[in-house]
């Protein structure tokens, strides 16, 4: 089954939304239209790079503070794993 060229009008507000998505994701508007026709949706998943960096910084600060000593071992391990995960993702310099 081959592709077929079609022409249709799209509301300006939808185009504006697709252009914003293009700026954030790099997915061209034409490809977004194709994906929508096929039933797909582009959604934000997880944290942005900036949000992950903030979380990492907060975790490191918390781990270095006196409050970390008051955590039980299970909670300390969770904080250590989160810090390790963020470093592996190279979101911030180790």
PDB file of N, CA and C in Angstrom:
ATOM      1  N   UNK A   1       0.853  -1.172   0.000  1.00  0.00           N
ATOM      2  CA  UNK A   1       0.000   0.000   0.000  1.00  0.00           C
ATOM      3  C   UNK A   1       0.897   1.233   0.000  1.00  0.00           C
ATOM      4  N   UNK A   2       0.715   2.084  -0.964  1.00  0.00           N
ATOM      5  CA  UNK A   2       1.539   3.282  -1.085  1.00  0.00           C
ATOM      6  C   UNK A   2       0.930   4.475  -0.377  1.00  0.00           C
ATOM      7  N   UNK A   3       1.690   5.544  -0.348  1.00  0.00           N
ATOM      8  CA  UNK A   3       1.195   6.781   0.259  1.00  0.00           C
ATOM      9  C   UNK A   3       0.429   7.573  -0.784  1.00  0.00           C
ATOM     10  N   UNK A   4      -0.480   8.374  -0.299  1.00  0.00           N
ATOM     11  CA  UNK A   4      -1.287   9.202  -1.166  1.00  0.00           C
ATOM     12  C   UNK A   4      -1.229  10.633  -0.667  1.00  0.00           C
ATOM     13  N   UNK A   5      -1.083  11.583  -1.544  1.00  0.00           N
ATOM     14  CA  UNK A   5      -0.997  12.978  -1.150  1.00  0.00           C
ATOM     15  C   UNK A   5      -2.402  13.552  -1.030  1.00  0.00           C
ATOM     16  N   UNK A   6      -2.664  14.222   0.094  1.00  0.00           N
ATOM     17  CA  UNK A   6      -3.958  14.858   0.314  1.00  0.00           C
ATOM     18  C   UNK A   6      -3.741  16.291   0.769  1.00  0.00           C
ATOM     19  N   UNK A   7      -4.782  17.084   0.675  1.00  0.00           N
ATOM     20  CA  UNK A   7      -4.707  18.485   1.087  1.00  0.00           C
ATOM     21  C   UNK A   7      -5.903  18.774   1.984  1.00  0.00           C
ATOM     22  N   UNK A   8      -5.669  19.415   3.118  1.00  0.00           N
ATOM     23  CA  UNK A   8      -6.758  19.795   4.006  1.00  0.00           C
ATOM     24  C   UNK A   8      -6.339  21.003   4.826  1.00  0.00           C
ATOM     25  N   UNK A   9      -7.310  21.648   5.438  1.00  0.00           N
ATOM     26  CA  UNK A   9      -7.050  22.836   6.253  1.00  0.00           C
ATOM     27  C   UNK A   9      -7.020  22.439   7.732  1.00  0.00           C
ATOM     28  N   UNK A  10      -6.101  23.094   8.446  1.00  0.00           N
ATOM     29  CA  UNK A  10      -5.977  22.841   9.880  1.00  0.00           C
ATOM     30  C   UNK A  10      -6.118  24.172  10.600  1.00  0.00           C
ATOM     31  N   UNK A  11      -6.846  24.164  11.688  1.00  0.00           N
ATOM     32  CA  UNK A  11      -7.061  25.372  12.492  1.00  0.00           C
ATOM     33  C   UNK A  11      -5.719  25.941  12.946  1.00  0.00           C
ATOM     34  N   UNK A  12      -5.606  27.267  12.961  1.00  0.00           N
ATOM     35  CA  UNK A  12      -4.356  27.932  13.337  1.00  0.00           C
ATOM     36  C   UNK A  12      -3.904  27.573  14.752  1.00  0.00           C
ATOM     37  N   UNK A  13      -4.848  27.383  15.669  1.00  0.00           N
ATOM     38  CA  UNK A  13      -4.474  27.043  17.043  1.00  0.00           C
ATOM     39  C   UNK A  13      -3.802  25.669  17.108  1.00  0.00           C
ATOM     40  N   UNK A  14      -4.264  24.731  16.270  1.00  0.00           N
ATOM     41  CA  UNK A  14      -3.652  23.402  16.237  1.00  0.00           C
ATOM     42  C   UNK A  14      -2.248  23.491  15.645  1.00  0.00           C
ATOM     43  N   UNK A  15      -2.086  24.291  14.592  1.00  0.00           N
ATOM     44  CA  UNK A  15      -0.766  24.475  13.985  1.00  0.00           C
ATOM     45  C   UNK A  15       0.198  25.112  14.977  1.00  0.00           C
ATOM     46  N   UNK A  16      -0.288  26.107  15.722  1.00  0.00           N
ATOM     47  CA  UNK A  16       0.558  26.772  16.721  1.00  0.00           C
ATOM     48  C   UNK A  16       1.022  25.756  17.771  1.00  0.00           C
ATOM     49  N   UNK A  17       0.109  24.909  18.210  1.00  0.00           N
ATOM     50  CA  UNK A  17       0.440  23.874  19.196  1.00  0.00           C
ATOM     51  C   UNK A  17       1.486  22.906  18.615  1.00  0.00           C
ATOM     52  N   UNK A  18       1.304  22.524  17.350  1.00  0.00           N
ATOM     53  CA  UNK A  18       2.257  21.610  16.697  1.00  0.00           C
ATOM     54  C   UNK A  18       3.618  22.262  16.517  1.00  0.00           C
ATOM     55  N   UNK A  19       3.642  23.565  16.251  1.00  0.00           N
ATOM     56  CA  UNK A  19       4.915  24.272  16.117  1.00  0.00           C
ATOM     57  C   UNK A  19       5.646  24.325  17.459  1.00  0.00           C
ATOM     58  N   UNK A  20       4.901  24.476  18.547  1.00  0.00           N
ATOM     59  CA  UNK A  20       5.517  24.454  19.879  1.00  0.00           C
ATOM     60  C   UNK A  20       6.106  23.075  20.159  1.00  0.00           C
ATOM     61  N   UNK A  21       5.380  22.033  19.776  1.00  0.00           N
ATOM     62  CA  UNK A  21       5.882  20.669  19.951  1.00  0.00           C
ATOM     63  C   UNK A  21       7.136  20.470  19.111  1.00  0.00           C
ATOM     64  N   UNK A  22       7.141  21.019  17.887  1.00  0.00           N
ATOM     65  CA  UNK A  22       8.315  20.917  17.014  1.00  0.00           C
ATOM     66  C   UNK A  22       9.531  21.565  17.673  1.00  0.00           C
ATOM     67  N   UNK A  23       9.331  22.732  18.295  1.00  0.00           N
ATOM     68  CA  UNK A  23      10.441  23.421  18.959  1.00  0.00           C
ATOM     69  C   UNK A  23      10.981  22.616  20.131  1.00  0.00           C
ATOM     70  N   UNK A  24      10.089  21.959  20.870  1.00  0.00           N
ATOM     71  CA  UNK A  24      10.504  21.198  22.048  1.00  0.00           C
ATOM     72  C   UNK A  24      11.101  19.845  21.695  1.00  0.00           C
ATOM     73  N   UNK A  25      10.565  19.185  20.655  1.00  0.00           N
ATOM     74  CA  UNK A  25      10.961  17.810  20.365  1.00  0.00           C
ATOM     75  C   UNK A  25      11.760  17.637  19.091  1.00  0.00           C
ATOM     76  N   UNK A  26      11.638  18.582  18.156  1.00  0.00           N
ATOM     77  CA  UNK A  26      12.308  18.440  16.877  1.00  0.00           C
ATOM     78  C   UNK A  26      11.502  17.648  15.858  1.00  0.00           C
ATOM     79  N   UNK A  27      10.293  17.194  16.233  1.00  0.00           N
ATOM     80  CA  UNK A  27       9.441  16.443  15.310  1.00  0.00           C
ATOM     81  C   UNK A  27       8.733  17.434  14.389  1.00  0.00           C
ATOM     82  N   UNK A  28       8.958  17.330  13.056  1.00  0.00           N
ATOM     83  CA  UNK A  28       8.340  18.268  12.115  1.00  0.00           C
ATOM     84  C   UNK A  28       6.810  18.211  12.158  1.00  0.00           C
ATOM     85  N   UNK A  29       6.180  19.330  11.825  1.00  0.00           N
ATOM     86  CA  UNK A  29       4.717  19.412  11.837  1.00  0.00           C
ATOM     87  C   UNK A  29       4.117  18.356  10.911  1.00  0.00           C
ATOM     88  N   UNK A  30       4.707  18.165   9.742  1.00  0.00           N
ATOM     89  CA  UNK A  30       4.171  17.182   8.788  1.00  0.00           C
ATOM     90  C   UNK A  30       4.168  15.777   9.387  1.00  0.00           C
ATOM     91  N   UNK A  31       5.221  15.446  10.119  1.00  0.00           N
ATOM     92  CA  UNK A  31       5.286  14.122  10.747  1.00  0.00           C
ATOM     93  C   UNK A  31       4.283  14.021  11.900  1.00  0.00           C
ATOM     94  N   UNK A  32       4.093  15.129  12.621  1.00  0.00           N
ATOM     95  CA  UNK A  32       3.088  15.136  13.689  1.00  0.00           C
ATOM     96  C   UNK A  32       1.700  14.859  13.122  1.00  0.00           C
ATOM     97  N   UNK A  33       1.404  15.465  11.959  1.00  0.00           N
ATOM     98  CA  UNK A  33       0.102  15.260  11.315  1.00  0.00           C
ATOM     99  C   UNK A  33      -0.052  13.786  10.942  1.00  0.00           C
ATOM    100  N   UNK A  34       1.001  13.213  10.345  1.00  0.00           N
ATOM    101  CA  UNK A  34       0.961  11.790   9.991  1.00  0.00           C
ATOM    102  C   UNK A  34       0.705  10.926  11.216  1.00  0.00           C
ATOM    103  N   UNK A  35       1.413  11.215  12.309  1.00  0.00           N
ATOM    104  CA  UNK A  35       1.248  10.438  13.527  1.00  0.00           C
ATOM    105  C   UNK A  35      -0.163  10.569  14.088  1.00  0.00           C
ATOM    106  N   UNK A  36      -0.723  11.782  14.066  1.00  0.00           N
ATOM    107  CA  UNK A  36      -2.093  11.985  14.552  1.00  0.00           C
ATOM    108  C   UNK A  36      -3.093  11.206  13.713  1.00  0.00           C
ATOM    109  N   UNK A  37      -2.902  11.209  12.401  1.00  0.00           N
ATOM    110  CA  UNK A  37      -3.803  10.463  11.516  1.00  0.00           C
ATOM    111  C   UNK A  37      -3.743   8.967  11.837  1.00  0.00           C
ATOM    112  N   UNK A  38      -2.548   8.492  12.180  1.00  0.00           N
ATOM    113  CA  UNK A  38      -2.377   7.075  12.498  1.00  0.00           C
ATOM    114  C   UNK A  38      -2.823   6.743  13.926  1.00  0.00           C
ATOM    115  N   UNK A  39      -3.217   7.782  14.695  1.00  0.00           N
ATOM    116  CA  UNK A  39      -3.720   7.546  16.047  1.00  0.00           C
ATOM    117  C   UNK A  39      -2.707   7.721  17.157  1.00  0.00           C
ATOM    118  N   UNK A  40      -1.487   8.150  16.820  1.00  0.00           N
ATOM    119  CA  UNK A  40      -0.464   8.377  17.836  1.00  0.00           C
ATOM    120  C   UNK A  40      -0.606   9.763  18.432  1.00  0.00           C
ATOM    121  N   UNK A  41       0.014   9.927  19.612  1.00  0.00           N
ATOM    122  CA  UNK A  41       0.013  11.220  20.271  1.00  0.00           C
ATOM    123  C   UNK A  41       1.403  11.461  20.843  1.00  0.00           C
ATOM    124  N   UNK A  42       1.903  12.664  20.716  1.00  0.00           N
ATOM    125  CA  UNK A  42       3.201  13.020  21.289  1.00  0.00           C
ATOM    126  C   UNK A  42       2.950  13.564  22.687  1.00  0.00           C
ATOM    127  N   UNK A  43       3.545  12.913  23.684  1.00  0.00           N
ATOM    128  CA  UNK A  43       3.345  13.332  25.066  1.00  0.00           C
ATOM    129  C   UNK A  43       4.695  13.511  25.743  1.00  0.00           C
ATOM    130  N   UNK A  44       4.710  14.355  26.748  1.00  0.00           N
ATOM    131  CA  UNK A  44       5.910  14.558  27.544  1.00  0.00           C
ATOM    132  C   UNK A  44       5.978  13.434  28.567  1.00  0.00           C
ATOM    133  N   UNK A  45       7.140  12.795  28.635  1.00  0.00           N
ATOM    134  CA  UNK A  45       7.305  11.702  29.572  1.00  0.00           C
ATOM    135  C   UNK A  45       8.484  12.004  30.479  1.00  0.00           C
ATOM    136  N   UNK A  46       8.262  11.888  31.760  1.00  0.00           N
ATOM    137  CA  UNK A  46       9.351  12.090  32.697  1.00  0.00           C
ATOM    138  C   UNK A  46       9.696  13.555  32.891  1.00  0.00           C
ATOM    139  N   UNK A  47      10.868  13.770  33.439  1.00  0.00           N
ATOM    140  CA  UNK A  47      11.331  15.113  33.750  1.00  0.00           C
ATOM    141  C   UNK A  47      12.201  15.661  32.633  1.00  0.00           C
ATOM    142  N   UNK A  48      12.187  16.968  32.469  1.00  0.00           N
ATOM    143  CA  UNK A  48      13.088  17.608  31.514  1.00  0.00           C
ATOM    144  C   UNK A  48      14.505  17.580  32.080  1.00  0.00           C
ATOM    145  N   UNK A  49      15.471  17.889  31.264  1.00  0.00           N
ATOM    146  CA  UNK A  49      16.864  17.912  31.698  1.00  0.00           C
ATOM    147  C   UNK A  49      17.057  18.879  32.855  1.00  0.00           C
ATOM    148  N   UNK A  50      16.425  20.045  32.763  1.00  0.00           N
ATOM    149  CA  UNK A  50      16.547  21.037  33.831  1.00  0.00           C
ATOM    150  C   UNK A  50      15.920  20.519  35.130  1.00  0.00           C
ATOM    151  N   UNK A  51      14.758  19.875  35.019  1.00  0.00           N
ATOM    152  CA  UNK A  51      14.087  19.347  36.205  1.00  0.00           C
ATOM    153  C   UNK A  51      14.925  18.244  36.855  1.00  0.00           C
ATOM    154  N   UNK A  52      15.526  17.377  36.019  1.00  0.00           N
ATOM    155  CA  UNK A  52      16.368  16.307  36.571  1.00  0.00           C
ATOM    156  C   UNK A  52      17.594  16.890  37.261  1.00  0.00           C
ATOM    157  N   UNK A  53      18.171  17.946  36.702  1.00  0.00           N
ATOM    158  CA  UNK A  53      19.338  18.577  37.315  1.00  0.00           C
ATOM    159  C   UNK A  53      18.984  19.164  38.671  1.00  0.00           C
ATOM    160  N   UNK A  54      17.799  19.767  38.771  1.00  0.00           N
ATOM    161  CA  UNK A  54      17.349  20.332  40.049  1.00  0.00           C
ATOM    162  C   UNK A  54      17.168  19.228  41.079  1.00  0.00           C
ATOM    163  N   UNK A  55      16.537  18.130  40.673  1.00  0.00           N
ATOM    164  CA  UNK A  55      16.319  17.005  41.593  1.00  0.00           C
ATOM    165  C   UNK A  55      17.666  16.442  42.039  1.00  0.00           C
ATOM    166  N   UNK A  56      18.596  16.293  41.096  1.00  0.00           N
ATOM    167  CA  UNK A  56      19.915  15.771  41.434  1.00  0.00           C
ATOM    168  C   UNK A  56      20.625  16.671  42.434  1.00  0.00           C
ATOM    169  N   UNK A  57      20.587  17.968  42.192  1.00  0.00           N
ATOM    170  CA  UNK A  57      21.229  18.920  43.099  1.00  0.00           C
ATOM    171  C   UNK A  57      20.619  18.836  44.492  1.00  0.00           C
ATOM    172  N   UNK A  58      19.285  18.766  44.539  1.00  0.00           N
ATOM    173  CA  UNK A  58      18.597  18.673  45.839  1.00  0.00           C
ATOM    174  C   UNK A  58      18.980  17.384  46.562  1.00  0.00           C
ATOM    175  N   UNK A  59      19.054  16.277  45.821  1.00  0.00           N
ATOM    176  CA  UNK A  59      19.432  15.005  46.444  1.00  0.00           C
ATOM    177  C   UNK A  59      20.850  15.052  46.987  1.00  0.00           C
ATOM    178  N   UNK A  60      21.774  15.631  46.210  1.00  0.00           N
ATOM    179  CA  UNK A  60      23.164  15.744  46.674  1.00  0.00           C
ATOM    180  C   UNK A  60      23.253  16.625  47.915  1.00  0.00           C
ATOM    181  N   UNK A  61      22.524  17.732  47.896  1.00  0.00           N
ATOM    182  CA  UNK A  61      22.519  18.621  49.058  1.00  0.00           C
ATOM    183  C   UNK A  61      21.975  17.887  50.280  1.00  0.00           C
ATOM    184  N   UNK A  62      20.887  17.156  50.071  1.00  0.00           N
ATOM    185  CA  UNK A  62      20.264  16.418  51.173  1.00  0.00           C
ATOM    186  C   UNK A  62      21.220  15.354  51.702  1.00  0.00           C
ATOM    187  N   UNK A  63      21.906  14.656  50.786  1.00  0.00           N
ATOM    188  CA  UNK A  63      22.834  13.602  51.197  1.00  0.00           C
ATOM    189  C   UNK A  63      23.996  14.179  51.999  1.00  0.00           C
ATOM    190  N   UNK A  64      24.390  15.419  51.687  1.00  0.00           N
ATOM    191  CA  UNK A  64      25.502  16.059  52.393  1.00  0.00           C
ATOM    192  C   UNK A  64      25.075  16.738  53.691  1.00  0.00           C
ATOM    193  N   UNK A  65      23.773  16.880  53.882  1.00  0.00           N
ATOM    194  CA  UNK A  65      23.293  17.580  55.075  1.00  0.00           C
ATOM    195  C   UNK A  65      23.210  16.632  56.268  1.00  0.00           C
ATOM    196  N   UNK A  66      22.992  17.204  57.421  1.00  0.00           N
ATOM    197  CA  UNK A  66      22.851  16.419  58.639  1.00  0.00           C
ATOM    198  C   UNK A  66      21.585  15.573  58.652  1.00  0.00           C
ATOM    199  N   UNK A  67      20.596  15.950  57.855  1.00  0.00           N
ATOM    200  CA  UNK A  67      19.337  15.205  57.831  1.00  0.00           C
ATOM    201  C   UNK A  67      19.519  13.792  57.286  1.00  0.00           C
ATOM    202  N   UNK A  68      20.497  13.615  56.408  1.00  0.00           N
ATOM    203  CA  UNK A  68      20.728  12.304  55.804  1.00  0.00           C
ATOM    204  C   UNK A  68      21.051  11.266  56.874  1.00  0.00           C
ATOM    205  N   UNK A  69      21.759  11.702  57.915  1.00  0.00           N
ATOM    206  CA  UNK A  69      22.144  10.783  58.993  1.00  0.00           C
ATOM    207  C   UNK A  69      20.928  10.251  59.740  1.00  0.00           C
ATOM    208  N   UNK A  70      19.837  11.020  59.740  1.00  0.00           N
ATOM    209  CA  UNK A  70      18.639  10.620  60.478  1.00  0.00           C
ATOM    210  C   UNK A  70      17.747   9.637  59.718  1.00  0.00           C
ATOM    211  N   UNK A  71      18.066   9.385  58.446  1.00  0.00           N
ATOM    212  CA  UNK A  71      17.252   8.462  57.650  1.00  0.00           C
ATOM    213  C   UNK A  71      17.572   7.017  58.015  1.00  0.00           C
ATOM    214  N   UNK A  72      16.574   6.145  57.850  1.00  0.00           N
ATOM    215  CA  UNK A  72      16.862   4.727  58.043  1.00  0.00           C
ATOM    216  C   UNK A  72      17.658   4.223  56.842  1.00  0.00           C
ATOM    217  N   UNK A  73      18.219   3.039  56.939  1.00  0.00           N
ATOM    218  CA  UNK A  73      19.098   2.518  55.889  1.00  0.00           C
ATOM    219  C   UNK A  73      18.386   2.366  54.546  1.00  0.00           C
ATOM    220  N   UNK A  74      17.131   1.962  54.577  1.00  0.00           N
ATOM    221  CA  UNK A  74      16.377   1.795  53.328  1.00  0.00           C
ATOM    222  C   UNK A  74      16.234   3.134  52.602  1.00  0.00           C
ATOM    223  N   UNK A  75      15.914   4.182  53.336  1.00  0.00           N
ATOM    224  CA  UNK A  75      15.772   5.516  52.735  1.00  0.00           C
ATOM    225  C   UNK A  75      17.113   6.038  52.227  1.00  0.00           C
ATOM    226  N   UNK A  76      18.180   5.788  52.986  1.00  0.00           N
ATOM    227  CA  UNK A  76      19.508   6.210  52.537  1.00  0.00           C
ATOM    228  C   UNK A  76      19.864   5.538  51.218  1.00  0.00           C
ATOM    229  N   UNK A  77      19.533   4.258  51.101  1.00  0.00           N
ATOM    230  CA  UNK A  77      19.842   3.517  49.877  1.00  0.00           C
ATOM    231  C   UNK A  77      19.058   4.080  48.686  1.00  0.00           C
ATOM    232  N   UNK A  78      17.816   4.472  48.913  1.00  0.00           N
ATOM    233  CA  UNK A  78      17.003   5.069  47.845  1.00  0.00           C
ATOM    234  C   UNK A  78      17.642   6.364  47.357  1.00  0.00           C
ATOM    235  N   UNK A  79      18.076   7.215  48.288  1.00  0.00           N
ATOM    236  CA  UNK A  79      18.730   8.476  47.917  1.00  0.00           C
ATOM    237  C   UNK A  79      20.005   8.190  47.139  1.00  0.00           C
ATOM    238  N   UNK A  80      20.805   7.217  47.590  1.00  0.00           N
ATOM    239  CA  UNK A  80      22.045   6.859  46.886  1.00  0.00           C
ATOM    240  C   UNK A  80      21.748   6.363  45.465  1.00  0.00           C
ATOM    241  N   UNK A  81      20.722   5.534  45.313  1.00  0.00           N
ATOM    242  CA  UNK A  81      20.362   5.009  43.994  1.00  0.00           C
ATOM    243  C   UNK A  81      19.913   6.123  43.062  1.00  0.00           C
ATOM    244  N   UNK A  82      19.131   7.062  43.581  1.00  0.00           N
ATOM    245  CA  UNK A  82      18.677   8.181  42.756  1.00  0.00           C
ATOM    246  C   UNK A  82      19.850   9.031  42.286  1.00  0.00           C
ATOM    247  N   UNK A  83      20.771   9.324  43.192  1.00  0.00           N
ATOM    248  CA  UNK A  83      21.947  10.108  42.821  1.00  0.00           C
ATOM    249  C   UNK A  83      22.755   9.357  41.773  1.00  0.00           C
ATOM    250  N   UNK A  84      22.943   8.075  41.969  1.00  0.00           N
ATOM    251  CA  UNK A  84      23.687   7.256  41.008  1.00  0.00           C
ATOM    252  C   UNK A  84      22.998   7.237  39.647  1.00  0.00           C
ATOM    253  N   UNK A  85      21.675   7.122  39.647  1.00  0.00           N
ATOM    254  CA  UNK A  85      20.912   7.097  38.393  1.00  0.00           C
ATOM    255  C   UNK A  85      21.110   8.404  37.628  1.00  0.00           C
ATOM    256  N   UNK A  86      21.040   9.530  38.315  1.00  0.00           N
ATOM    257  CA  UNK A  86      21.204  10.822  37.644  1.00  0.00           C
ATOM    258  C   UNK A  86      22.618  10.975  37.104  1.00  0.00           C
ATOM    259  N   UNK A  87      23.609  10.489  37.803  1.00  0.00           N
ATOM    260  CA  UNK A  87      24.984  10.587  37.316  1.00  0.00           C
ATOM    261  C   UNK A  87      25.186   9.720  36.084  1.00  0.00           C
ATOM    262  N   UNK A  88      24.598   8.515  36.065  1.00  0.00           N
ATOM    263  CA  UNK A  88      24.717   7.617  34.911  1.00  0.00           C
ATOM    264  C   UNK A  88      24.090   8.236  33.671  1.00  0.00           C
ATOM    265  N   UNK A  89      23.031   9.030  33.861  1.00  0.00           N
ATOM    266  CA  UNK A  89      22.362   9.661  32.732  1.00  0.00           C
ATOM    267  C   UNK A  89      23.132  10.878  32.237  1.00  0.00           C
ATOM    268  N   UNK A  90      24.221  11.216  32.894  1.00  0.00           N
ATOM    269  CA  UNK A  90      25.084  12.340  32.516  1.00  0.00           C
ATOM    270  C   UNK A  90      24.298  13.645  32.410  1.00  0.00           C
ATOM    271  N   UNK A  91      23.405  13.827  33.368  1.00  0.00           N
ATOM    272  CA  UNK A  91      22.624  15.052  33.392  1.00  0.00           C
ATOM    273  C   UNK A  91      23.472  16.181  33.987  1.00  0.00           C
ATOM    274  N   UNK A  92      24.263  15.819  34.957  1.00  0.00           N
ATOM    275  CA  UNK A  92      25.184  16.779  35.555  1.00  0.00           C
ATOM    276  C   UNK A  92      26.546  16.102  35.653  1.00  0.00           C
ATOM    277  N   UNK A  93      27.567  16.862  35.766  1.00  0.00           N
ATOM    278  CA  UNK A  93      28.905  16.289  35.875  1.00  0.00           C
ATOM    279  C   UNK A  93      29.051  15.556  37.195  1.00  0.00           C
ATOM    280  N   UNK A  94      29.656  14.367  37.160  1.00  0.00           N
ATOM    281  CA  UNK A  94      29.864  13.634  38.422  1.00  0.00           C
ATOM    282  C   UNK A  94      30.913  14.292  39.289  1.00  0.00           C
TER     283      UNK A  94
END
